[in-house]
Amino acid sequence: MKRVTNKEKIKKYFLELNGTDGVQANEIADELGMKRNAASALLNELTREGFLKRKKQNQFFFLCGVQIKQSYQSLRKRKRK
């Protein structure tokens, strides 16, 4: 049986979120039971890969790039009608 990696867990976590303003690395770490620095490293890697987007406020928030793209596409479809 294939072992699920932390990176895959993070991807699944973001895909299950619907319409969030973003999640911080410490929230991901707490939710998935990992260290914050490990979660942060994986979040940055997923950002470089284009899966996540970063939003800078007082701290960095991560958003799912796939969901952003889908939301944008559905808005464009609605405007065309």
C-alpha atoms as a PDB file:
ATOM      1  CA  MET A   1       0.000   0.000   0.000  1.00  0.00           C
ATOM      2  CA  LYS A   2       1.294   3.454  -0.956  1.00  0.00           C
ATOM      3  CA  ARG A   3       2.152   5.805   1.907  1.00  0.00           C
ATOM      4  CA  VAL A   4       0.554   9.256   1.686  1.00  0.00           C
ATOM      5  CA  THR A   5       3.167  12.010   1.848  1.00  0.00           C
ATOM      6  CA  ASN A   6       2.761  15.245   3.784  1.00  0.00           C
ATOM      7  CA  LYS A   7       2.794  17.101   0.465  1.00  0.00           C
ATOM      8  CA  GLU A   8      -0.171  15.030  -0.739  1.00  0.00           C
ATOM      9  CA  LYS A   9      -1.965  15.646   2.576  1.00  0.00           C
ATOM     10  CA  ILE A  10      -1.514  19.398   2.148  1.00  0.00           C
ATOM     11  CA  LYS A  11      -2.831  19.281  -1.430  1.00  0.00           C
ATOM     12  CA  LYS A  12      -5.880  17.301  -0.298  1.00  0.00           C
ATOM     13  CA  TYR A  13      -6.466  19.731   2.579  1.00  0.00           C
ATOM     14  CA  PHE A  14      -6.524  22.720   0.204  1.00  0.00           C
ATOM     15  CA  LEU A  15      -8.740  20.976  -2.333  1.00  0.00           C
ATOM     16  CA  GLU A  16     -11.272  20.227   0.406  1.00  0.00           C
ATOM     17  CA  LEU A  17     -11.372  23.888   1.507  1.00  0.00           C
ATOM     18  CA  ASN A  18     -14.058  25.874  -0.229  1.00  0.00           C
ATOM     19  CA  GLY A  19     -13.800  29.628  -0.550  1.00  0.00           C
ATOM     20  CA  THR A  20     -11.263  30.568   2.081  1.00  0.00           C
ATOM     21  CA  ASP A  21      -9.333  33.801   2.475  1.00  0.00           C
ATOM     22  CA  GLY A  22      -6.168  31.796   2.983  1.00  0.00           C
ATOM     23  CA  VAL A  23      -4.484  29.572   5.511  1.00  0.00           C
ATOM     24  CA  GLN A  24      -1.261  30.158   7.426  1.00  0.00           C
ATOM     25  CA  ALA A  25       1.531  27.596   7.730  1.00  0.00           C
ATOM     26  CA  ASN A  26       0.921  27.136  11.465  1.00  0.00           C
ATOM     27  CA  GLU A  27      -2.753  26.302  10.830  1.00  0.00           C
ATOM     28  CA  ILE A  28      -1.768  23.639   8.303  1.00  0.00           C
ATOM     29  CA  ALA A  29       0.840  22.242  10.693  1.00  0.00           C
ATOM     30  CA  ASP A  30      -1.681  22.028  13.554  1.00  0.00           C
ATOM     31  CA  GLU A  31      -4.392  20.497  11.361  1.00  0.00           C
ATOM     32  CA  LEU A  32      -2.130  17.843   9.840  1.00  0.00           C
ATOM     33  CA  GLY A  33       0.026  17.153  12.909  1.00  0.00           C
ATOM     34  CA  MET A  34       3.361  18.291  11.541  1.00  0.00           C
ATOM     35  CA  LYS A  35       5.983  20.867  12.463  1.00  0.00           C
ATOM     36  CA  ARG A  36       5.402  24.412  11.228  1.00  0.00           C
ATOM     37  CA  ASN A  37       8.769  24.666   9.462  1.00  0.00           C
ATOM     38  CA  ALA A  38       8.103  21.410   7.565  1.00  0.00           C
ATOM     39  CA  ALA A  39       4.648  22.635   6.572  1.00  0.00           C
ATOM     40  CA  SER A  40       6.092  25.987   5.504  1.00  0.00           C
ATOM     41  CA  ALA A  41       8.734  24.325   3.321  1.00  0.00           C
ATOM     42  CA  LEU A  42       6.091  22.202   1.583  1.00  0.00           C
ATOM     43  CA  LEU A  43       3.760  25.194   1.159  1.00  0.00           C
ATOM     44  CA  ASN A  44       6.581  27.147  -0.481  1.00  0.00           C
ATOM     45  CA  GLU A  45       7.346  24.188  -2.759  1.00  0.00           C
ATOM     46  CA  LEU A  46       3.676  23.928  -3.785  1.00  0.00           C
ATOM     47  CA  THR A  47       3.708  27.678  -4.448  1.00  0.00           C
ATOM     48  CA  ARG A  48       6.723  27.332  -6.764  1.00  0.00           C
ATOM     49  CA  GLU A  49       4.917  24.506  -8.561  1.00  0.00           C
ATOM     50  CA  GLY A  50       1.878  26.762  -9.094  1.00  0.00           C
ATOM     51  CA  PHE A  51      -0.531  24.714  -6.974  1.00  0.00           C
ATOM     52  CA  LEU A  52      -0.773  27.437  -4.303  1.00  0.00           C
ATOM     53  CA  LYS A  53      -0.659  31.220  -4.333  1.00  0.00           C
ATOM     54  CA  ARG A  54       0.747  33.362  -1.527  1.00  0.00           C
ATOM     55  CA  LYS A  55      -0.961  36.451  -0.193  1.00  0.00           C
ATOM     56  CA  LYS A  56       1.056  38.809   2.005  1.00  0.00           C
ATOM     57  CA  GLN A  57      -0.717  40.617   4.799  1.00  0.00           C
ATOM     58  CA  ASN A  58       0.879  40.787   8.233  1.00  0.00           C
ATOM     59  CA  GLN A  59       1.864  37.175   7.614  1.00  0.00           C
ATOM     60  CA  PHE A  60       1.755  34.967   4.537  1.00  0.00           C
ATOM     61  CA  PHE A  61      -1.502  33.247   3.698  1.00  0.00           C
ATOM     62  CA  PHE A  62      -1.644  30.401   1.199  1.00  0.00           C
ATOM     63  CA  LEU A  63      -4.529  29.927  -1.227  1.00  0.00           C
ATOM     64  CA  CYS A  64      -5.209  27.041  -3.580  1.00  0.00           C
ATOM     65  CA  GLY A  65      -4.310  28.146  -7.103  1.00  0.00           C
ATOM     66  CA  VAL A  66      -6.519  25.429  -8.604  1.00  0.00           C
ATOM     67  CA  GLN A  67      -9.584  26.762  -6.790  1.00  0.00           C
ATOM     68  CA  ILE A  68      -8.728  30.346  -7.717  1.00  0.00           C
ATOM     69  CA  LYS A  69      -8.505  29.360 -11.381  1.00  0.00           C
ATOM     70  CA  GLN A  70     -11.800  27.423 -11.241  1.00  0.00           C
ATOM     71  CA  SER A  71     -13.566  30.342  -9.533  1.00  0.00           C
ATOM     72  CA  TYR A  72     -12.226  32.760 -12.136  1.00  0.00           C
ATOM     73  CA  GLN A  73     -13.353  30.506 -14.992  1.00  0.00           C
ATOM     74  CA  SER A  74     -16.859  30.093 -13.562  1.00  0.00           C
ATOM     75  CA  LEU A  75     -17.159  33.884 -13.138  1.00  0.00           C
ATOM     76  CA  ARG A  76     -16.145  34.403 -16.772  1.00  0.00           C
ATOM     77  CA  LYS A  77     -18.747  31.863 -17.899  1.00  0.00           C
ATOM     78  CA  ARG A  78     -21.481  33.632 -15.905  1.00  0.00           C
ATOM     79  CA  LYS A  79     -20.544  37.010 -17.385  1.00  0.00           C
ATOM     80  CA  ARG A  80     -20.822  35.612 -20.928  1.00  0.00           C
ATOM     81  CA  LYS A  81     -24.443  34.538 -20.405  1.00  0.00           C
END
